[in-house]
């Protein structure tokens, strides 16, 4: 017969340490998802997580990049005169934060602490007589801190029907 190299108490301690280490490894691989923002046109809705986010502040360069070069932007079709609805999860407006809508790089709303905005009959593709309307536009929702610093950007493509 051979004597055990580690006592029963020691084996339990090693097993517990191994279980805790494995649990921490699994948890460290999970990223907490960002809150969702939703764009609804008619009966079509698309929700997305932020394409850019920083708990402190996004640089102006990073915001510009997020507004123009978002690769994973969701698309929703829009017909002239449709009602555009924008909604954000409550976490986006916590702690005095606000959000605003930006269309093709230009703000179309003031920063808001509400979680929902509706724009009945808005014509997102109006050109004011300045040529033909584009077939799509970029719509972004930008989260700003209480002091106006950008924290996160959600990206969508609005496609003209």
N, C-alpha and C. Protein backbone atom coordinates (compact mmCIF):
# COMPACT_ATOMS: atom_id res chain seq x y z
N UNK A 1 0.81 -1.17 0.00
CA UNK A 1 0.00 0.00 0.00
C UNK A 1 0.86 1.25 0.00
N UNK A 2 0.36 2.28 -0.65
CA UNK A 2 1.14 3.52 -0.69
C UNK A 2 0.42 4.59 0.12
N UNK A 3 1.18 5.46 0.70
CA UNK A 3 0.61 6.56 1.49
C UNK A 3 0.23 7.70 0.56
N UNK A 4 -0.89 8.36 0.82
CA UNK A 4 -1.27 9.49 -0.03
C UNK A 4 -0.26 10.62 0.09
N UNK A 5 0.04 11.28 -1.03
CA UNK A 5 0.99 12.39 -1.02
C UNK A 5 0.37 13.65 -0.41
N UNK A 6 -0.95 13.81 -0.57
CA UNK A 6 -1.64 14.98 -0.03
C UNK A 6 -2.77 14.48 0.84
N UNK A 7 -2.91 15.09 2.00
CA UNK A 7 -3.98 14.66 2.91
C UNK A 7 -5.35 15.01 2.33
N UNK A 8 -6.40 14.47 2.92
CA UNK A 8 -7.77 14.75 2.46
C UNK A 8 -8.09 16.22 2.50
N UNK A 9 -7.68 16.91 3.57
CA UNK A 9 -7.92 18.35 3.69
C UNK A 9 -7.16 19.11 2.60
N UNK A 10 -5.97 18.69 2.32
CA UNK A 10 -5.16 19.33 1.28
C UNK A 10 -5.78 19.16 -0.11
N UNK A 11 -6.30 17.92 -0.38
CA UNK A 11 -6.94 17.67 -1.68
C UNK A 11 -8.16 18.57 -1.85
N UNK A 12 -8.95 18.72 -0.78
CA UNK A 12 -10.14 19.59 -0.85
C UNK A 12 -9.73 21.04 -1.11
N UNK A 13 -8.66 21.48 -0.47
CA UNK A 13 -8.19 22.85 -0.66
C UNK A 13 -7.73 23.08 -2.11
N UNK A 14 -6.99 22.13 -2.64
CA UNK A 14 -6.51 22.23 -4.03
C UNK A 14 -7.70 22.22 -4.99
N UNK A 15 -8.68 21.35 -4.73
CA UNK A 15 -9.87 21.28 -5.60
C UNK A 15 -10.65 22.59 -5.54
N UNK A 16 -10.80 23.16 -4.35
CA UNK A 16 -11.53 24.43 -4.20
C UNK A 16 -10.79 25.55 -4.92
N UNK A 17 -9.48 25.59 -4.76
CA UNK A 17 -8.68 26.62 -5.44
C UNK A 17 -8.80 26.48 -6.95
N UNK A 18 -8.78 25.25 -7.44
CA UNK A 18 -8.93 25.01 -8.88
C UNK A 18 -10.29 25.45 -9.38
N UNK A 19 -11.34 25.18 -8.61
CA UNK A 19 -12.70 25.58 -9.02
C UNK A 19 -12.83 27.09 -9.06
N UNK A 20 -12.29 27.78 -8.06
CA UNK A 20 -12.35 29.25 -8.04
C UNK A 20 -11.57 29.82 -9.22
N UNK A 21 -10.39 29.28 -9.49
CA UNK A 21 -9.58 29.77 -10.62
C UNK A 21 -10.31 29.57 -11.95
N UNK A 22 -10.93 28.41 -12.13
CA UNK A 22 -11.67 28.14 -13.36
C UNK A 22 -12.87 29.08 -13.49
N UNK A 23 -13.55 29.34 -12.39
CA UNK A 23 -14.69 30.27 -12.41
C UNK A 23 -14.27 31.67 -12.78
N UNK A 24 -13.17 32.14 -12.22
CA UNK A 24 -12.67 33.47 -12.56
C UNK A 24 -12.24 33.55 -14.02
N UNK A 25 -11.66 32.50 -14.53
CA UNK A 25 -11.25 32.46 -15.93
C UNK A 25 -12.46 32.57 -16.84
N UNK A 26 -13.52 31.84 -16.53
CA UNK A 26 -14.73 31.88 -17.33
C UNK A 26 -15.37 33.27 -17.28
N UNK A 27 -15.44 33.87 -16.08
CA UNK A 27 -16.04 35.19 -15.94
C UNK A 27 -15.24 36.27 -16.64
N UNK A 28 -13.92 36.15 -16.65
CA UNK A 28 -13.10 37.18 -17.29
C UNK A 28 -13.27 37.17 -18.80
N UNK A 29 -13.71 36.06 -19.36
CA UNK A 29 -13.91 35.97 -20.81
C UNK A 29 -15.22 36.61 -21.24
N UNK A 30 -16.12 36.92 -20.31
CA UNK A 30 -17.42 37.50 -20.64
C UNK A 30 -17.36 39.02 -20.54
N UNK A 31 -17.78 39.69 -21.59
CA UNK A 31 -17.91 41.13 -21.56
C UNK A 31 -19.35 41.47 -21.25
N UNK A 32 -19.55 42.43 -20.40
CA UNK A 32 -20.90 42.87 -20.10
C UNK A 32 -21.42 43.59 -21.35
N UNK A 33 -22.58 43.20 -21.86
CA UNK A 33 -23.08 43.87 -23.06
C UNK A 33 -23.47 45.31 -22.75
N UNK A 34 -23.32 46.16 -23.75
CA UNK A 34 -23.73 47.54 -23.57
C UNK A 34 -25.25 47.61 -23.67
N UNK A 35 -25.85 48.64 -23.11
CA UNK A 35 -27.30 48.79 -23.24
C UNK A 35 -27.68 48.93 -24.71
N UNK A 36 -28.90 48.55 -25.02
CA UNK A 36 -29.38 48.62 -26.40
C UNK A 36 -30.04 49.95 -26.70
N UNK A 37 -29.91 50.37 -27.93
CA UNK A 37 -30.68 51.49 -28.47
C UNK A 37 -31.47 50.91 -29.65
N UNK A 38 -32.69 51.39 -29.83
CA UNK A 38 -33.59 50.82 -30.84
C UNK A 38 -34.10 51.91 -31.77
N UNK A 39 -34.12 51.60 -33.06
CA UNK A 39 -34.71 52.46 -34.08
C UNK A 39 -35.90 51.72 -34.66
N UNK A 40 -37.06 52.38 -34.69
CA UNK A 40 -38.27 51.77 -35.23
C UNK A 40 -38.84 52.68 -36.31
N UNK A 41 -39.17 52.07 -37.45
CA UNK A 41 -39.87 52.75 -38.54
C UNK A 41 -41.03 51.86 -38.91
N UNK A 42 -42.26 52.37 -38.74
CA UNK A 42 -43.43 51.55 -39.00
C UNK A 42 -43.43 50.36 -38.08
N UNK A 43 -43.46 49.16 -38.65
CA UNK A 43 -43.46 47.94 -37.84
C UNK A 43 -42.08 47.28 -37.80
N UNK A 44 -41.08 47.92 -38.38
CA UNK A 44 -39.72 47.37 -38.39
C UNK A 44 -38.87 48.02 -37.30
N UNK A 45 -38.25 47.19 -36.49
CA UNK A 45 -37.37 47.68 -35.43
C UNK A 45 -36.02 46.99 -35.53
N UNK A 46 -34.98 47.74 -35.23
CA UNK A 46 -33.64 47.16 -35.10
C UNK A 46 -33.03 47.69 -33.81
N UNK A 47 -32.41 46.79 -33.07
CA UNK A 47 -31.74 47.15 -31.82
C UNK A 47 -30.27 46.80 -31.97
N UNK A 48 -29.43 47.58 -31.31
CA UNK A 48 -28.00 47.33 -31.41
C UNK A 48 -27.30 47.75 -30.14
N UNK A 49 -26.14 47.15 -29.91
CA UNK A 49 -25.25 47.58 -28.85
C UNK A 49 -24.37 48.70 -29.40
N UNK A 50 -23.71 49.41 -28.52
CA UNK A 50 -22.83 50.50 -28.93
C UNK A 50 -21.69 49.97 -29.79
N UNK A 51 -21.35 50.71 -30.85
CA UNK A 51 -20.20 50.35 -31.67
C UNK A 51 -18.92 50.93 -31.09
N UNK A 52 -19.04 51.97 -30.27
CA UNK A 52 -17.91 52.57 -29.58
C UNK A 52 -18.38 52.94 -28.17
N UNK A 53 -17.50 52.73 -27.19
CA UNK A 53 -17.88 53.06 -25.82
C UNK A 53 -16.65 53.27 -24.98
N UNK A 54 -16.73 54.24 -24.05
CA UNK A 54 -15.67 54.48 -23.08
C UNK A 54 -16.33 55.03 -21.83
N UNK A 55 -16.02 54.47 -20.68
CA UNK A 55 -16.67 54.92 -19.44
C UNK A 55 -16.23 56.32 -19.05
N UNK A 56 -15.10 56.80 -19.56
CA UNK A 56 -14.63 58.14 -19.22
C UNK A 56 -15.05 59.14 -20.29
N UNK A 57 -14.55 58.97 -21.50
CA UNK A 57 -14.87 59.88 -22.59
C UNK A 57 -14.26 59.36 -23.87
N UNK A 58 -15.00 59.47 -24.97
CA UNK A 58 -14.46 59.16 -26.29
C UNK A 58 -13.78 60.41 -26.84
N UNK A 59 -12.66 60.24 -27.49
CA UNK A 59 -12.00 61.39 -28.12
C UNK A 59 -12.83 61.84 -29.31
N UNK A 60 -12.67 63.07 -29.70
CA UNK A 60 -13.39 63.62 -30.87
C UNK A 60 -13.06 62.80 -32.11
N UNK A 61 -11.80 62.39 -32.26
CA UNK A 61 -11.40 61.59 -33.41
C UNK A 61 -12.13 60.24 -33.41
N UNK A 62 -12.23 59.62 -32.23
CA UNK A 62 -12.91 58.34 -32.12
C UNK A 62 -14.40 58.49 -32.42
N UNK A 63 -15.02 59.56 -31.95
CA UNK A 63 -16.44 59.80 -32.24
C UNK A 63 -16.65 59.95 -33.74
N UNK A 64 -15.80 60.72 -34.40
CA UNK A 64 -15.92 60.91 -35.85
C UNK A 64 -15.77 59.58 -36.58
N UNK A 65 -14.83 58.76 -36.14
CA UNK A 65 -14.63 57.44 -36.75
C UNK A 65 -15.88 56.58 -36.55
N UNK A 66 -16.45 56.62 -35.35
CA UNK A 66 -17.66 55.82 -35.06
C UNK A 66 -18.85 56.30 -35.89
N UNK A 67 -18.97 57.61 -36.09
CA UNK A 67 -20.08 58.16 -36.85
C UNK A 67 -20.01 57.81 -38.33
N UNK A 68 -18.81 57.69 -38.87
CA UNK A 68 -18.67 57.51 -40.31
C UNK A 68 -18.29 56.11 -40.75
N UNK A 69 -17.62 55.34 -39.88
CA UNK A 69 -17.06 54.07 -40.33
C UNK A 69 -17.56 52.85 -39.57
N UNK A 70 -18.75 52.93 -38.97
CA UNK A 70 -19.26 51.78 -38.21
C UNK A 70 -19.49 50.60 -39.15
N UNK A 71 -18.83 49.50 -38.88
CA UNK A 71 -18.91 48.32 -39.75
C UNK A 71 -20.16 47.48 -39.49
N UNK A 72 -20.61 47.45 -38.24
CA UNK A 72 -21.71 46.57 -37.87
C UNK A 72 -23.04 47.30 -37.72
N UNK A 73 -23.23 48.38 -38.46
CA UNK A 73 -24.46 49.16 -38.34
C UNK A 73 -25.65 48.35 -38.85
N UNK A 74 -26.73 48.37 -38.07
CA UNK A 74 -27.96 47.69 -38.48
C UNK A 74 -28.71 48.60 -39.46
N UNK A 75 -29.52 47.99 -40.33
CA UNK A 75 -30.25 48.74 -41.36
C UNK A 75 -31.74 48.62 -41.15
N UNK A 76 -32.44 49.73 -41.34
CA UNK A 76 -33.90 49.76 -41.31
C UNK A 76 -34.37 50.58 -42.50
N UNK A 77 -35.45 50.14 -43.14
CA UNK A 77 -35.99 50.86 -44.30
C UNK A 77 -36.93 51.96 -43.85
N UNK A 78 -36.88 53.06 -44.58
CA UNK A 78 -37.65 54.25 -44.23
C UNK A 78 -38.34 54.79 -45.48
N UNK A 79 -39.64 55.01 -45.39
CA UNK A 79 -40.39 55.62 -46.48
C UNK A 79 -40.70 57.07 -46.13
N UNK A 80 -40.70 57.92 -47.11
CA UNK A 80 -40.98 59.34 -46.86
C UNK A 80 -42.29 59.49 -46.08
N UNK A 81 -42.24 60.26 -45.01
CA UNK A 81 -43.42 60.49 -44.19
C UNK A 81 -43.63 59.47 -43.09
N UNK A 82 -42.80 58.42 -43.03
CA UNK A 82 -42.93 57.44 -41.95
C UNK A 82 -42.59 58.09 -40.61
N UNK A 83 -43.09 57.50 -39.54
CA UNK A 83 -42.74 57.96 -38.20
C UNK A 83 -41.46 57.25 -37.77
N UNK A 84 -40.49 58.03 -37.36
CA UNK A 84 -39.23 57.52 -36.84
C UNK A 84 -39.32 57.52 -35.32
N UNK A 85 -39.02 56.38 -34.71
CA UNK A 85 -39.04 56.26 -33.25
C UNK A 85 -37.66 55.80 -32.77
N UNK A 86 -37.16 56.47 -31.76
CA UNK A 86 -35.86 56.13 -31.19
C UNK A 86 -36.05 55.83 -29.72
N UNK A 87 -35.47 54.74 -29.26
CA UNK A 87 -35.58 54.37 -27.86
C UNK A 87 -34.24 53.88 -27.33
N UNK A 88 -33.99 54.19 -26.07
CA UNK A 88 -32.76 53.74 -25.43
C UNK A 88 -33.11 53.08 -24.11
N UNK A 89 -32.28 52.15 -23.67
CA UNK A 89 -32.48 51.51 -22.38
C UNK A 89 -32.18 52.53 -21.27
N UNK A 90 -32.84 52.39 -20.12
CA UNK A 90 -32.66 53.35 -19.03
C UNK A 90 -31.22 53.54 -18.57
N UNK A 91 -30.37 52.52 -18.70
CA UNK A 91 -28.97 52.67 -18.26
C UNK A 91 -28.26 53.78 -19.04
N UNK A 92 -28.70 54.07 -20.24
CA UNK A 92 -28.04 55.08 -21.07
C UNK A 92 -28.21 56.47 -20.47
N UNK A 93 -29.31 56.71 -19.77
CA UNK A 93 -29.57 58.04 -19.21
C UNK A 93 -29.39 58.08 -17.69
N UNK A 94 -28.74 57.08 -17.11
CA UNK A 94 -28.47 57.09 -15.68
C UNK A 94 -27.37 58.08 -15.34
N UNK A 95 -27.32 58.49 -14.09
CA UNK A 95 -26.26 59.35 -13.56
C UNK A 95 -26.14 60.67 -14.30
N UNK A 96 -27.25 61.21 -14.80
CA UNK A 96 -27.23 62.50 -15.48
C UNK A 96 -26.81 62.43 -16.93
N UNK A 97 -26.54 61.24 -17.45
CA UNK A 97 -26.16 61.11 -18.86
C UNK A 97 -27.37 61.39 -19.74
N UNK A 98 -27.12 61.73 -20.97
CA UNK A 98 -28.16 62.02 -21.95
C UNK A 98 -27.77 61.37 -23.28
N UNK A 99 -28.67 61.46 -24.24
CA UNK A 99 -28.38 60.96 -25.58
C UNK A 99 -28.96 61.91 -26.61
N UNK A 100 -28.39 61.88 -27.81
CA UNK A 100 -28.94 62.68 -28.90
C UNK A 100 -28.78 61.92 -30.21
N UNK A 101 -29.68 62.24 -31.14
CA UNK A 101 -29.65 61.60 -32.46
C UNK A 101 -28.80 62.45 -33.40
N UNK A 102 -28.02 61.76 -34.24
CA UNK A 102 -27.14 62.42 -35.20
C UNK A 102 -27.39 61.77 -36.55
N UNK A 103 -27.73 62.57 -37.55
CA UNK A 103 -28.01 62.09 -38.91
C UNK A 103 -26.91 62.58 -39.84
N UNK A 104 -26.20 61.65 -40.44
CA UNK A 104 -25.07 61.97 -41.33
C UNK A 104 -24.12 62.99 -40.70
N UNK A 105 -23.82 62.78 -39.41
CA UNK A 105 -22.85 63.62 -38.72
C UNK A 105 -23.39 64.91 -38.15
N UNK A 106 -24.68 65.21 -38.37
CA UNK A 106 -25.28 66.45 -37.87
C UNK A 106 -26.32 66.13 -36.80
N UNK A 107 -26.22 66.74 -35.61
CA UNK A 107 -27.23 66.50 -34.57
C UNK A 107 -28.62 66.92 -35.06
N UNK A 108 -29.61 66.05 -34.83
CA UNK A 108 -30.99 66.40 -35.21
C UNK A 108 -31.88 66.53 -33.98
N UNK A 109 -31.33 66.29 -32.79
CA UNK A 109 -32.05 66.50 -31.54
C UNK A 109 -31.10 67.14 -30.53
N UNK A 110 -31.68 67.74 -29.53
CA UNK A 110 -30.91 68.20 -28.38
C UNK A 110 -30.67 66.99 -27.48
N UNK A 111 -29.63 67.01 -26.63
CA UNK A 111 -29.44 65.91 -25.69
C UNK A 111 -30.69 65.75 -24.81
N UNK A 112 -31.09 64.50 -24.59
CA UNK A 112 -32.32 64.20 -23.87
C UNK A 112 -32.08 63.17 -22.77
N UNK A 113 -32.82 63.31 -21.67
CA UNK A 113 -32.77 62.32 -20.60
C UNK A 113 -33.94 61.36 -20.71
N UNK A 114 -34.82 61.55 -21.69
CA UNK A 114 -35.94 60.63 -21.91
C UNK A 114 -35.42 59.36 -22.58
N UNK A 115 -36.16 58.28 -22.44
CA UNK A 115 -35.72 57.02 -23.05
C UNK A 115 -36.39 56.78 -24.40
N UNK A 116 -37.25 57.69 -24.84
CA UNK A 116 -37.99 57.48 -26.08
C UNK A 116 -38.27 58.82 -26.74
N UNK A 117 -38.11 58.87 -28.06
CA UNK A 117 -38.47 60.05 -28.86
C UNK A 117 -39.16 59.56 -30.12
N UNK A 118 -40.14 60.32 -30.58
CA UNK A 118 -40.89 59.98 -31.78
C UNK A 118 -40.91 61.18 -32.70
N UNK A 119 -40.74 60.92 -34.00
CA UNK A 119 -40.73 61.97 -35.00
C UNK A 119 -41.74 61.63 -36.09
N UNK A 120 -43.04 61.96 -35.86
CA UNK A 120 -44.06 61.61 -36.85
C UNK A 120 -43.90 62.42 -38.14
N UNK A 121 -43.96 61.72 -39.25
CA UNK A 121 -43.93 62.37 -40.56
C UNK A 121 -42.63 63.07 -40.91
N UNK A 122 -41.56 62.80 -40.19
CA UNK A 122 -40.27 63.43 -40.49
C UNK A 122 -39.77 62.95 -41.85
N UNK A 123 -39.20 63.84 -42.64
CA UNK A 123 -38.63 63.43 -43.92
C UNK A 123 -37.11 63.48 -43.80
N UNK A 124 -36.54 62.36 -43.46
CA UNK A 124 -35.09 62.28 -43.26
C UNK A 124 -34.31 62.49 -44.55
N UNK A 125 -34.98 62.31 -45.68
CA UNK A 125 -34.29 62.39 -46.96
C UNK A 125 -34.61 63.66 -47.74
N UNK A 126 -35.18 64.66 -47.08
CA UNK A 126 -35.48 65.93 -47.74
C UNK A 126 -34.16 66.59 -48.17
N UNK A 127 -34.15 67.11 -49.38
CA UNK A 127 -32.93 67.75 -49.89
C UNK A 127 -33.08 69.26 -49.98
N UNK A 128 -34.27 69.76 -49.77
CA UNK A 128 -34.47 71.20 -49.90
C UNK A 128 -34.24 71.69 -51.31
N UNK A 129 -34.51 70.83 -52.29
CA UNK A 129 -34.32 71.21 -53.68
C UNK A 129 -32.87 71.17 -54.14
N UNK A 130 -32.02 70.59 -53.36
CA UNK A 130 -30.59 70.56 -53.68
C UNK A 130 -30.16 69.24 -54.29
N UNK A 131 -30.85 68.79 -55.32
CA UNK A 131 -30.46 67.57 -56.01
C UNK A 131 -31.23 66.36 -55.54
N UNK A 132 -30.77 65.21 -56.01
CA UNK A 132 -31.44 63.95 -55.72
C UNK A 132 -31.09 63.45 -54.32
N UNK A 133 -32.07 62.85 -53.64
CA UNK A 133 -31.86 62.33 -52.30
C UNK A 133 -30.96 61.09 -52.36
N UNK A 134 -30.10 60.91 -51.36
CA UNK A 134 -29.28 59.69 -51.31
C UNK A 134 -30.16 58.48 -51.03
N UNK A 135 -29.66 57.30 -51.29
CA UNK A 135 -30.44 56.08 -51.07
C UNK A 135 -30.37 55.62 -49.61
N UNK A 136 -29.39 56.11 -48.86
CA UNK A 136 -29.31 55.76 -47.44
C UNK A 136 -28.59 56.87 -46.68
N UNK A 137 -28.82 56.86 -45.37
CA UNK A 137 -28.16 57.81 -44.48
C UNK A 137 -27.72 57.08 -43.23
N UNK A 138 -26.74 57.66 -42.55
CA UNK A 138 -26.26 57.10 -41.30
C UNK A 138 -26.94 57.81 -40.14
N UNK A 139 -27.57 57.01 -39.27
CA UNK A 139 -28.19 57.55 -38.07
C UNK A 139 -27.43 57.01 -36.88
N UNK A 140 -27.04 57.90 -35.98
CA UNK A 140 -26.32 57.49 -34.78
C UNK A 140 -27.03 58.02 -33.55
N UNK A 141 -26.91 57.28 -32.49
CA UNK A 141 -27.33 57.74 -31.18
C UNK A 141 -26.05 57.90 -30.38
N UNK A 142 -25.86 59.09 -29.82
CA UNK A 142 -24.63 59.39 -29.08
C UNK A 142 -24.99 59.64 -27.63
N UNK A 143 -24.37 58.87 -26.73
CA UNK A 143 -24.55 59.10 -25.31
C UNK A 143 -23.54 60.13 -24.86
N UNK A 144 -24.02 61.13 -24.11
CA UNK A 144 -23.13 62.17 -23.59
C UNK A 144 -23.28 62.24 -22.07
N UNK A 145 -22.19 62.57 -21.41
CA UNK A 145 -22.21 62.69 -19.95
C UNK A 145 -22.93 63.98 -19.56
N UNK A 146 -23.14 64.17 -18.27
CA UNK A 146 -23.82 65.36 -17.77
C UNK A 146 -23.09 66.64 -18.18
N UNK A 147 -21.77 66.54 -18.35
CA UNK A 147 -21.01 67.72 -18.78
C UNK A 147 -20.75 67.76 -20.28
N UNK A 148 -21.48 66.93 -21.05
CA UNK A 148 -21.44 67.01 -22.51
C UNK A 148 -20.37 66.21 -23.20
N UNK A 149 -19.65 65.37 -22.49
CA UNK A 149 -18.58 64.58 -23.11
C UNK A 149 -19.16 63.29 -23.70
N UNK A 150 -18.77 62.93 -24.93
CA UNK A 150 -19.30 61.71 -25.56
C UNK A 150 -18.78 60.45 -24.87
N UNK A 151 -19.72 59.51 -24.61
CA UNK A 151 -19.36 58.27 -23.91
C UNK A 151 -19.54 57.03 -24.78
N UNK A 152 -20.54 57.05 -25.68
CA UNK A 152 -20.83 55.87 -26.50
C UNK A 152 -21.56 56.29 -27.76
N UNK A 153 -21.47 55.43 -28.80
CA UNK A 153 -22.13 55.68 -30.07
C UNK A 153 -22.78 54.38 -30.55
N UNK A 154 -24.04 54.48 -30.95
CA UNK A 154 -24.77 53.38 -31.58
C UNK A 154 -24.96 53.76 -33.04
N UNK A 155 -24.87 52.80 -33.96
CA UNK A 155 -24.88 53.11 -35.39
C UNK A 155 -25.97 52.34 -36.13
N UNK A 156 -26.63 53.04 -37.06
CA UNK A 156 -27.69 52.46 -37.89
C UNK A 156 -27.58 53.04 -39.29
N UNK A 157 -28.05 52.28 -40.26
CA UNK A 157 -28.22 52.77 -41.62
C UNK A 157 -29.70 52.90 -41.87
N UNK A 158 -30.13 54.03 -42.38
CA UNK A 158 -31.51 54.26 -42.77
C UNK A 158 -31.57 54.19 -44.28
N UNK A 159 -32.29 53.23 -44.82
CA UNK A 159 -32.35 53.01 -46.26
C UNK A 159 -33.70 53.51 -46.79
N UNK A 160 -33.65 54.35 -47.80
CA UNK A 160 -34.88 54.89 -48.41
C UNK A 160 -35.58 53.80 -49.21
N UNK A 161 -36.90 53.62 -48.93
CA UNK A 161 -37.68 52.61 -49.67
C UNK A 161 -37.89 53.06 -51.09
